[in-house]
Amino acid sequence: MVGYSRLAVRRDVALCSFVFRVLRGWLQLPELLAELGLRAPAGCGCARRPTPTLMEPYSRTNLNRFAPLSRAIRVQQYCY
């Protein structure tokens, strides 16, 4: 009614902006940048399906699946 979004949406937006700032180099966090699984498209870039920029790590447990880094990678796919 007054333009406020839900808390979950605000958290996701904050997480996306944090990952964006790390990737752009506005935040100097080399340890976190090394943990992000960056991927580049193979070949000429004419694939039918676009490949995601960040690779989500495999998680056997819910604790690892919902860890901040895993969640940030999963959420950023919907932010851009």
PDB file of N, CA and C in Angstrom:
ATOM      1  N   MET A   1       0.815  -1.178   0.000  1.00  0.00           N
ATOM      2  CA  MET A   1       0.000   0.000   0.000  1.00  0.00           C
ATOM      3  C   MET A   1       0.874   1.265   0.000  1.00  0.00           C
ATOM      4  N   VAL A   2       1.954   1.254   0.771  1.00  0.00           N
ATOM      5  CA  VAL A   2       2.811   2.436   0.836  1.00  0.00           C
ATOM      6  C   VAL A   2       4.111   2.251   0.080  1.00  0.00           C
ATOM      7  N   GLY A   3       4.229   1.166  -0.666  1.00  0.00           N
ATOM      8  CA  GLY A   3       5.414   0.970  -1.487  1.00  0.00           C
ATOM      9  C   GLY A   3       6.512   0.148  -0.842  1.00  0.00           C
ATOM     10  N   TYR A   4       6.263  -0.391   0.322  1.00  0.00           N
ATOM     11  CA  TYR A   4       7.256  -1.241   0.957  1.00  0.00           C
ATOM     12  C   TYR A   4       7.172  -2.644   0.396  1.00  0.00           C
ATOM     13  N   SER A   5       8.305  -3.267   0.218  1.00  0.00           N
ATOM     14  CA  SER A   5       8.291  -4.654  -0.234  1.00  0.00           C
ATOM     15  C   SER A   5       8.520  -5.569   0.970  1.00  0.00           C
ATOM     16  N   ARG A   6       8.257  -6.823   0.761  1.00  0.00           N
ATOM     17  CA  ARG A   6       8.413  -7.794   1.840  1.00  0.00           C
ATOM     18  C   ARG A   6       9.871  -7.898   2.244  1.00  0.00           C
ATOM     19  N   LEU A   7      10.104  -8.400   3.438  1.00  0.00           N
ATOM     20  CA  LEU A   7      11.453  -8.530   3.968  1.00  0.00           C
ATOM     21  C   LEU A   7      12.283  -9.475   3.112  1.00  0.00           C
ATOM     22  N   ALA A   8      11.687 -10.555   2.622  1.00  0.00           N
ATOM     23  CA  ALA A   8      12.421 -11.510   1.786  1.00  0.00           C
ATOM     24  C   ALA A   8      12.909 -10.850   0.501  1.00  0.00           C
ATOM     25  N   VAL A   9      12.092 -10.000  -0.080  1.00  0.00           N
ATOM     26  CA  VAL A   9      12.478  -9.304  -1.308  1.00  0.00           C
ATOM     27  C   VAL A   9      13.610  -8.321  -1.028  1.00  0.00           C
ATOM     28  N   ARG A  10      13.517  -7.591   0.071  1.00  0.00           N
ATOM     29  CA  ARG A  10      14.575  -6.649   0.425  1.00  0.00           C
ATOM     30  C   ARG A  10      15.890  -7.365   0.689  1.00  0.00           C
ATOM     31  N   ARG A  11      15.837  -8.525   1.319  1.00  0.00           N
ATOM     32  CA  ARG A  11      17.056  -9.306   1.558  1.00  0.00           C
ATOM     33  C   ARG A  11      17.668  -9.776   0.247  1.00  0.00           C
ATOM     34  N   ASP A  12      16.838 -10.246  -0.661  1.00  0.00           N
ATOM     35  CA  ASP A  12      17.348 -10.710  -1.955  1.00  0.00           C
ATOM     36  C   ASP A  12      17.983  -9.573  -2.747  1.00  0.00           C
ATOM     37  N   VAL A  13      17.373  -8.405  -2.716  1.00  0.00           N
ATOM     38  CA  VAL A  13      17.928  -7.254  -3.423  1.00  0.00           C
ATOM     39  C   VAL A  13      19.259  -6.847  -2.808  1.00  0.00           C
ATOM     40  N   ALA A  14      19.349  -6.848  -1.485  1.00  0.00           N
ATOM     41  CA  ALA A  14      20.610  -6.506  -0.817  1.00  0.00           C
ATOM     42  C   ALA A  14      21.696  -7.524  -1.149  1.00  0.00           C
ATOM     43  N   LEU A  15      21.335  -8.794  -1.218  1.00  0.00           N
ATOM     44  CA  LEU A  15      22.294  -9.843  -1.556  1.00  0.00           C
ATOM     45  C   LEU A  15      22.773  -9.695  -2.997  1.00  0.00           C
ATOM     46  N   CYS A  16      21.865  -9.390  -3.916  1.00  0.00           N
ATOM     47  CA  CYS A  16      22.247  -9.186  -5.320  1.00  0.00           C
ATOM     48  C   CYS A  16      23.165  -7.982  -5.482  1.00  0.00           C
ATOM     49  N   SER A  17      22.852  -6.917  -4.780  1.00  0.00           N
ATOM     50  CA  SER A  17      23.708  -5.736  -4.904  1.00  0.00           C
ATOM     51  C   SER A  17      25.079  -5.986  -4.295  1.00  0.00           C
ATOM     52  N   PHE A  18      25.166  -6.793  -3.242  1.00  0.00           N
ATOM     53  CA  PHE A  18      26.454  -7.128  -2.648  1.00  0.00           C
ATOM     54  C   PHE A  18      27.303  -7.937  -3.629  1.00  0.00           C
ATOM     55  N   VAL A  19      26.710  -8.949  -4.256  1.00  0.00           N
ATOM     56  CA  VAL A  19      27.444  -9.767  -5.236  1.00  0.00           C
ATOM     57  C   VAL A  19      27.865  -8.895  -6.416  1.00  0.00           C
ATOM     58  N   PHE A  20      27.004  -8.006  -6.856  1.00  0.00           N
ATOM     59  CA  PHE A  20      27.329  -7.102  -7.955  1.00  0.00           C
ATOM     60  C   PHE A  20      28.535  -6.228  -7.613  1.00  0.00           C
ATOM     61  N   ARG A  21      28.556  -5.669  -6.392  1.00  0.00           N
ATOM     62  CA  ARG A  21      29.674  -4.822  -5.984  1.00  0.00           C
ATOM     63  C   ARG A  21      30.972  -5.598  -5.890  1.00  0.00           C
ATOM     64  N   VAL A  22      30.906  -6.866  -5.461  1.00  0.00           N
ATOM     65  CA  VAL A  22      32.123  -7.689  -5.396  1.00  0.00           C
ATOM     66  C   VAL A  22      32.626  -7.987  -6.801  1.00  0.00           C
ATOM     67  N   LEU A  23      31.724  -8.335  -7.709  1.00  0.00           N
ATOM     68  CA  LEU A  23      32.122  -8.661  -9.076  1.00  0.00           C
ATOM     69  C   LEU A  23      32.652  -7.445  -9.833  1.00  0.00           C
ATOM     70  N   ARG A  24      32.106  -6.283  -9.576  1.00  0.00           N
ATOM     71  CA  ARG A  24      32.572  -5.068 -10.251  1.00  0.00           C
ATOM     72  C   ARG A  24      33.883  -4.541  -9.683  1.00  0.00           C
ATOM     73  N   GLY A  25      34.278  -5.044  -8.519  1.00  0.00           N
ATOM     74  CA  GLY A  25      35.516  -4.599  -7.907  1.00  0.00           C
ATOM     75  C   GLY A  25      35.351  -3.402  -7.005  1.00  0.00           C
ATOM     76  N   TRP A  26      34.118  -3.034  -6.707  1.00  0.00           N
ATOM     77  CA  TRP A  26      33.876  -1.908  -5.817  1.00  0.00           C
ATOM     78  C   TRP A  26      34.157  -2.283  -4.374  1.00  0.00           C
ATOM     79  N   LEU A  27      34.061  -3.574  -4.057  1.00  0.00           N
ATOM     80  CA  LEU A  27      34.449  -4.096  -2.746  1.00  0.00           C
ATOM     81  C   LEU A  27      35.650  -5.009  -2.950  1.00  0.00           C
ATOM     82  N   GLN A  28      36.692  -4.781  -2.219  1.00  0.00           N
ATOM     83  CA  GLN A  28      37.909  -5.574  -2.357  1.00  0.00           C
ATOM     84  C   GLN A  28      37.855  -6.769  -1.414  1.00  0.00           C
ATOM     85  N   LEU A  29      37.307  -7.876  -1.882  1.00  0.00           N
ATOM     86  CA  LEU A  29      37.209  -9.103  -1.111  1.00  0.00           C
ATOM     87  C   LEU A  29      37.756 -10.255  -1.952  1.00  0.00           C
ATOM     88  N   PRO A  30      39.076 -10.405  -2.045  1.00  0.00           N
ATOM     89  CA  PRO A  30      39.637 -11.433  -2.923  1.00  0.00           C
ATOM     90  C   PRO A  30      39.285 -12.854  -2.488  1.00  0.00           C
ATOM     91  N   GLU A  31      39.103 -13.084  -1.185  1.00  0.00           N
ATOM     92  CA  GLU A  31      38.747 -14.428  -0.728  1.00  0.00           C
ATOM     93  C   GLU A  31      37.355 -14.814  -1.220  1.00  0.00           C
ATOM     94  N   LEU A  32      36.429 -13.887  -1.138  1.00  0.00           N
ATOM     95  CA  LEU A  32      35.073 -14.150  -1.601  1.00  0.00           C
ATOM     96  C   LEU A  32      35.024 -14.264  -3.112  1.00  0.00           C
ATOM     97  N   LEU A  33      35.778 -13.442  -3.792  1.00  0.00           N
ATOM     98  CA  LEU A  33      35.816 -13.501  -5.252  1.00  0.00           C
ATOM     99  C   LEU A  33      36.389 -14.837  -5.731  1.00  0.00           C
ATOM    100  N   ALA A  34      37.347 -15.375  -4.986  1.00  0.00           N
ATOM    101  CA  ALA A  34      37.910 -16.679  -5.342  1.00  0.00           C
ATOM    102  C   ALA A  34      36.900 -17.805  -5.118  1.00  0.00           C
ATOM    103  N   GLU A  35      36.003 -17.628  -4.155  1.00  0.00           N
ATOM    104  CA  GLU A  35      34.994 -18.655  -3.869  1.00  0.00           C
ATOM    105  C   GLU A  35      33.860 -18.677  -4.895  1.00  0.00           C
ATOM    106  N   LEU A  36      33.642 -17.551  -5.561  1.00  0.00           N
ATOM    107  CA  LEU A  36      32.590 -17.501  -6.574  1.00  0.00           C
ATOM    108  C   LEU A  36      33.045 -18.295  -7.792  1.00  0.00           C
ATOM    109  N   GLY A  37      32.240 -19.205  -8.249  1.00  0.00           N
ATOM    110  CA  GLY A  37      32.593 -20.022  -9.409  1.00  0.00           C
ATOM    111  C   GLY A  37      32.227 -19.299 -10.691  1.00  0.00           C
ATOM    112  N   LEU A  38      33.130 -18.501 -11.218  1.00  0.00           N
ATOM    113  CA  LEU A  38      32.852 -17.758 -12.447  1.00  0.00           C
ATOM    114  C   LEU A  38      32.959 -18.667 -13.662  1.00  0.00           C
ATOM    115  N   ARG A  39      32.033 -18.510 -14.578  1.00  0.00           N
ATOM    116  CA  ARG A  39      32.042 -19.275 -15.823  1.00  0.00           C
ATOM    117  C   ARG A  39      31.981 -18.330 -17.009  1.00  0.00           C
ATOM    118  N   ALA A  40      32.647 -18.717 -18.055  1.00  0.00           N
ATOM    119  CA  ALA A  40      32.568 -17.977 -19.315  1.00  0.00           C
ATOM    120  C   ALA A  40      31.902 -18.887 -20.345  1.00  0.00           C
ATOM    121  N   PRO A  41      31.102 -18.352 -21.242  1.00  0.00           N
ATOM    122  CA  PRO A  41      30.459 -19.191 -22.240  1.00  0.00           C
ATOM    123  C   PRO A  41      31.483 -19.830 -23.164  1.00  0.00           C
ATOM    124  N   ALA A  42      31.265 -21.083 -23.479  1.00  0.00           N
ATOM    125  CA  ALA A  42      32.172 -21.809 -24.364  1.00  0.00           C
ATOM    126  C   ALA A  42      31.814 -21.516 -25.820  1.00  0.00           C
ATOM    127  N   GLY A  43      32.796 -21.566 -26.657  1.00  0.00           N
ATOM    128  CA  GLY A  43      32.568 -21.395 -28.087  1.00  0.00           C
ATOM    129  C   GLY A  43      32.350 -19.958 -28.478  1.00  0.00           C
ATOM    130  N   CYS A  44      31.523 -19.766 -29.484  1.00  0.00           N
ATOM    131  CA  CYS A  44      31.318 -18.425 -30.040  1.00  0.00           C
ATOM    132  C   CYS A  44      30.242 -17.640 -29.314  1.00  0.00           C
ATOM    133  N   GLY A  45      29.648 -18.219 -28.302  1.00  0.00           N
ATOM    134  CA  GLY A  45      28.602 -17.513 -27.572  1.00  0.00           C
ATOM    135  C   GLY A  45      27.248 -17.609 -28.233  1.00  0.00           C
ATOM    136  N   CYS A  46      27.098 -18.528 -29.168  1.00  0.00           N
ATOM    137  CA  CYS A  46      25.830 -18.657 -29.872  1.00  0.00           C
ATOM    138  C   CYS A  46      25.051 -19.874 -29.383  1.00  0.00           C
ATOM    139  N   ALA A  47      25.223 -20.207 -28.125  1.00  0.00           N
ATOM    140  CA  ALA A  47      24.513 -21.359 -27.567  1.00  0.00           C
ATOM    141  C   ALA A  47      23.019 -21.052 -27.477  1.00  0.00           C
ATOM    142  N   ARG A  48      22.230 -22.091 -27.505  1.00  0.00           N
ATOM    143  CA  ARG A  48      20.786 -21.905 -27.427  1.00  0.00           C
ATOM    144  C   ARG A  48      20.370 -21.421 -26.042  1.00  0.00           C
ATOM    145  N   ARG A  49      20.980 -21.994 -25.039  1.00  0.00           N
ATOM    146  CA  ARG A  49      20.652 -21.638 -23.668  1.00  0.00           C
ATOM    147  C   ARG A  49      21.783 -20.819 -23.072  1.00  0.00           C
ATOM    148  N   PRO A  50      21.497 -19.666 -22.534  1.00  0.00           N
ATOM    149  CA  PRO A  50      22.584 -18.889 -21.935  1.00  0.00           C
ATOM    150  C   PRO A  50      23.108 -19.577 -20.673  1.00  0.00           C
ATOM    151  N   THR A  51      24.415 -19.603 -20.529  1.00  0.00           N
ATOM    152  CA  THR A  51      25.000 -20.218 -19.345  1.00  0.00           C
ATOM    153  C   THR A  51      25.053 -19.191 -18.226  1.00  0.00           C
ATOM    154  N   PRO A  52      24.728 -19.613 -17.009  1.00  0.00           N
ATOM    155  CA  PRO A  52      24.804 -18.672 -15.897  1.00  0.00           C
ATOM    156  C   PRO A  52      26.245 -18.243 -15.641  1.00  0.00           C
ATOM    157  N   THR A  53      26.422 -17.018 -15.217  1.00  0.00           N
ATOM    158  CA  THR A  53      27.755 -16.480 -14.982  1.00  0.00           C
ATOM    159  C   THR A  53      28.414 -17.141 -13.780  1.00  0.00           C
ATOM    160  N   LEU A  54      27.650 -17.385 -12.739  1.00  0.00           N
ATOM    161  CA  LEU A  54      28.183 -17.978 -11.517  1.00  0.00           C
ATOM    162  C   LEU A  54      27.671 -19.401 -11.370  1.00  0.00           C
ATOM    163  N   MET A  55      28.547 -20.295 -10.980  1.00  0.00           N
ATOM    164  CA  MET A  55      28.189 -21.694 -10.813  1.00  0.00           C
ATOM    165  C   MET A  55      27.872 -21.958  -9.348  1.00  0.00           C
ATOM    166  N   GLU A  56      26.691 -22.475  -9.084  1.00  0.00           N
ATOM    167  CA  GLU A  56      26.298 -22.795  -7.719  1.00  0.00           C
ATOM    168  C   GLU A  56      27.007 -24.072  -7.280  1.00  0.00           C
ATOM    169  N   PRO A  57      27.673 -24.053  -6.124  1.00  0.00           N
ATOM    170  CA  PRO A  57      28.374 -25.252  -5.675  1.00  0.00           C
ATOM    171  C   PRO A  57      27.388 -26.350  -5.285  1.00  0.00           C
ATOM    172  N   TYR A  58      27.827 -27.594  -5.459  1.00  0.00           N
ATOM    173  CA  TYR A  58      26.997 -28.726  -5.086  1.00  0.00           C
ATOM    174  C   TYR A  58      26.876 -28.775  -3.566  1.00  0.00           C
ATOM    175  N   SER A  59      25.663 -28.974  -3.074  1.00  0.00           N
ATOM    176  CA  SER A  59      25.423 -29.012  -1.634  1.00  0.00           C
ATOM    177  C   SER A  59      24.715 -30.310  -1.270  1.00  0.00           C
ATOM    178  N   ARG A  60      25.331 -31.052  -0.367  1.00  0.00           N
ATOM    179  CA  ARG A  60      24.705 -32.286   0.106  1.00  0.00           C
ATOM    180  C   ARG A  60      23.723 -32.028   1.231  1.00  0.00           C
ATOM    181  N   THR A  61      23.902 -30.956   1.965  1.00  0.00           N
ATOM    182  CA  THR A  61      23.063 -30.684   3.126  1.00  0.00           C
ATOM    183  C   THR A  61      22.342 -29.352   2.959  1.00  0.00           C
ATOM    184  N   ASN A  62      21.268 -29.181   3.714  1.00  0.00           N
ATOM    185  CA  ASN A  62      20.539 -27.911   3.689  1.00  0.00           C
ATOM    186  C   ASN A  62      21.367 -26.791   4.291  1.00  0.00           C
ATOM    187  N   LEU A  63      22.211 -27.120   5.248  1.00  0.00           N
ATOM    188  CA  LEU A  63      23.054 -26.098   5.862  1.00  0.00           C
ATOM    189  C   LEU A  63      23.964 -25.454   4.817  1.00  0.00           C
ATOM    190  N   ASN A  64      24.533 -26.276   3.952  1.00  0.00           N
ATOM    191  CA  ASN A  64      25.399 -25.755   2.899  1.00  0.00           C
ATOM    192  C   ASN A  64      24.587 -25.135   1.761  1.00  0.00           C
ATOM    193  N   ARG A  65      23.417 -25.683   1.497  1.00  0.00           N
ATOM    194  CA  ARG A  65      22.588 -25.155   0.410  1.00  0.00           C
ATOM    195  C   ARG A  65      22.104 -23.744   0.707  1.00  0.00           C
ATOM    196  N   PHE A  66      21.792 -23.454   1.957  1.00  0.00           N
ATOM    197  CA  PHE A  66      21.280 -22.136   2.320  1.00  0.00           C
ATOM    198  C   PHE A  66      22.335 -21.259   2.985  1.00  0.00           C
ATOM    199  N   ALA A  67      23.588 -21.605   2.797  1.00  0.00           N
ATOM    200  CA  ALA A  67      24.678 -20.750   3.264  1.00  0.00           C
ATOM    201  C   ALA A  67      24.652 -19.447   2.460  1.00  0.00           C
ATOM    202  N   PRO A  68      25.177 -18.364   3.012  1.00  0.00           N
ATOM    203  CA  PRO A  68      25.071 -17.074   2.319  1.00  0.00           C
ATOM    204  C   PRO A  68      25.654 -17.065   0.902  1.00  0.00           C
ATOM    205  N   LEU A  69      26.786 -17.709   0.686  1.00  0.00           N
ATOM    206  CA  LEU A  69      27.383 -17.686  -0.646  1.00  0.00           C
ATOM    207  C   LEU A  69      26.552 -18.483  -1.641  1.00  0.00           C
ATOM    208  N   SER A  70      26.090 -19.657  -1.252  1.00  0.00           N
ATOM    209  CA  SER A  70      25.248 -20.468  -2.147  1.00  0.00           C
ATOM    210  C   SER A  70      23.942 -19.746  -2.465  1.00  0.00           C
ATOM    211  N   ARG A  71      23.367 -19.142  -1.456  1.00  0.00           N
ATOM    212  CA  ARG A  71      22.119 -18.413  -1.654  1.00  0.00           C
ATOM    213  C   ARG A  71      22.325 -17.200  -2.547  1.00  0.00           C
ATOM    214  N   ALA A  72      23.446 -16.517  -2.389  1.00  0.00           N
ATOM    215  CA  ALA A  72      23.733 -15.344  -3.213  1.00  0.00           C
ATOM    216  C   ALA A  72      23.863 -15.723  -4.677  1.00  0.00           C
ATOM    217  N   ILE A  73      24.510 -16.844  -4.949  1.00  0.00           N
ATOM    218  CA  ILE A  73      24.669 -17.290  -6.329  1.00  0.00           C
ATOM    219  C   ILE A  73      23.322 -17.690  -6.917  1.00  0.00           C
ATOM    220  N   ARG A  74      22.504 -18.368  -6.123  1.00  0.00           N
ATOM    221  CA  ARG A  74      21.203 -18.804  -6.609  1.00  0.00           C
ATOM    222  C   ARG A  74      20.272 -17.612  -6.837  1.00  0.00           C
ATOM    223  N   VAL A  75      20.299 -16.630  -5.958  1.00  0.00           N
ATOM    224  CA  VAL A  75      19.415 -15.478  -6.063  1.00  0.00           C
ATOM    225  C   VAL A  75      19.829 -14.561  -7.204  1.00  0.00           C
ATOM    226  N   GLN A  76      21.121 -14.428  -7.455  1.00  0.00           N
ATOM    227  CA  GLN A  76      21.583 -13.477  -8.482  1.00  0.00           C
ATOM    228  C   GLN A  76      21.106 -13.859  -9.870  1.00  0.00           C
ATOM    229  N   GLN A  77      20.769 -15.124 -10.088  1.00  0.00           N
ATOM    230  CA  GLN A  77      20.278 -15.534 -11.395  1.00  0.00           C
ATOM    231  C   GLN A  77      18.947 -14.874 -11.713  1.00  0.00           C
ATOM    232  N   TYR A  78      18.191 -14.506 -10.682  1.00  0.00           N
ATOM    233  CA  TYR A  78      16.883 -13.889 -10.892  1.00  0.00           C
ATOM    234  C   TYR A  78      16.928 -12.380 -10.806  1.00  0.00           C
ATOM    235  N   CYS A  79      18.059 -11.827 -10.366  1.00  0.00           N
ATOM    236  CA  CYS A  79      18.165 -10.375 -10.228  1.00  0.00           C
ATOM    237  C   CYS A  79      18.490  -9.696 -11.549  1.00  0.00           C
ATOM    238  N   TYR A  80      19.220 -10.366 -12.418  1.00  0.00           N
ATOM    239  CA  TYR A  80      19.684  -9.689 -13.635  1.00  0.00           C
ATOM    240  C   TYR A  80      18.790  -9.981 -14.782  1.00  0.00           C
TER     241      TYR A  80
END
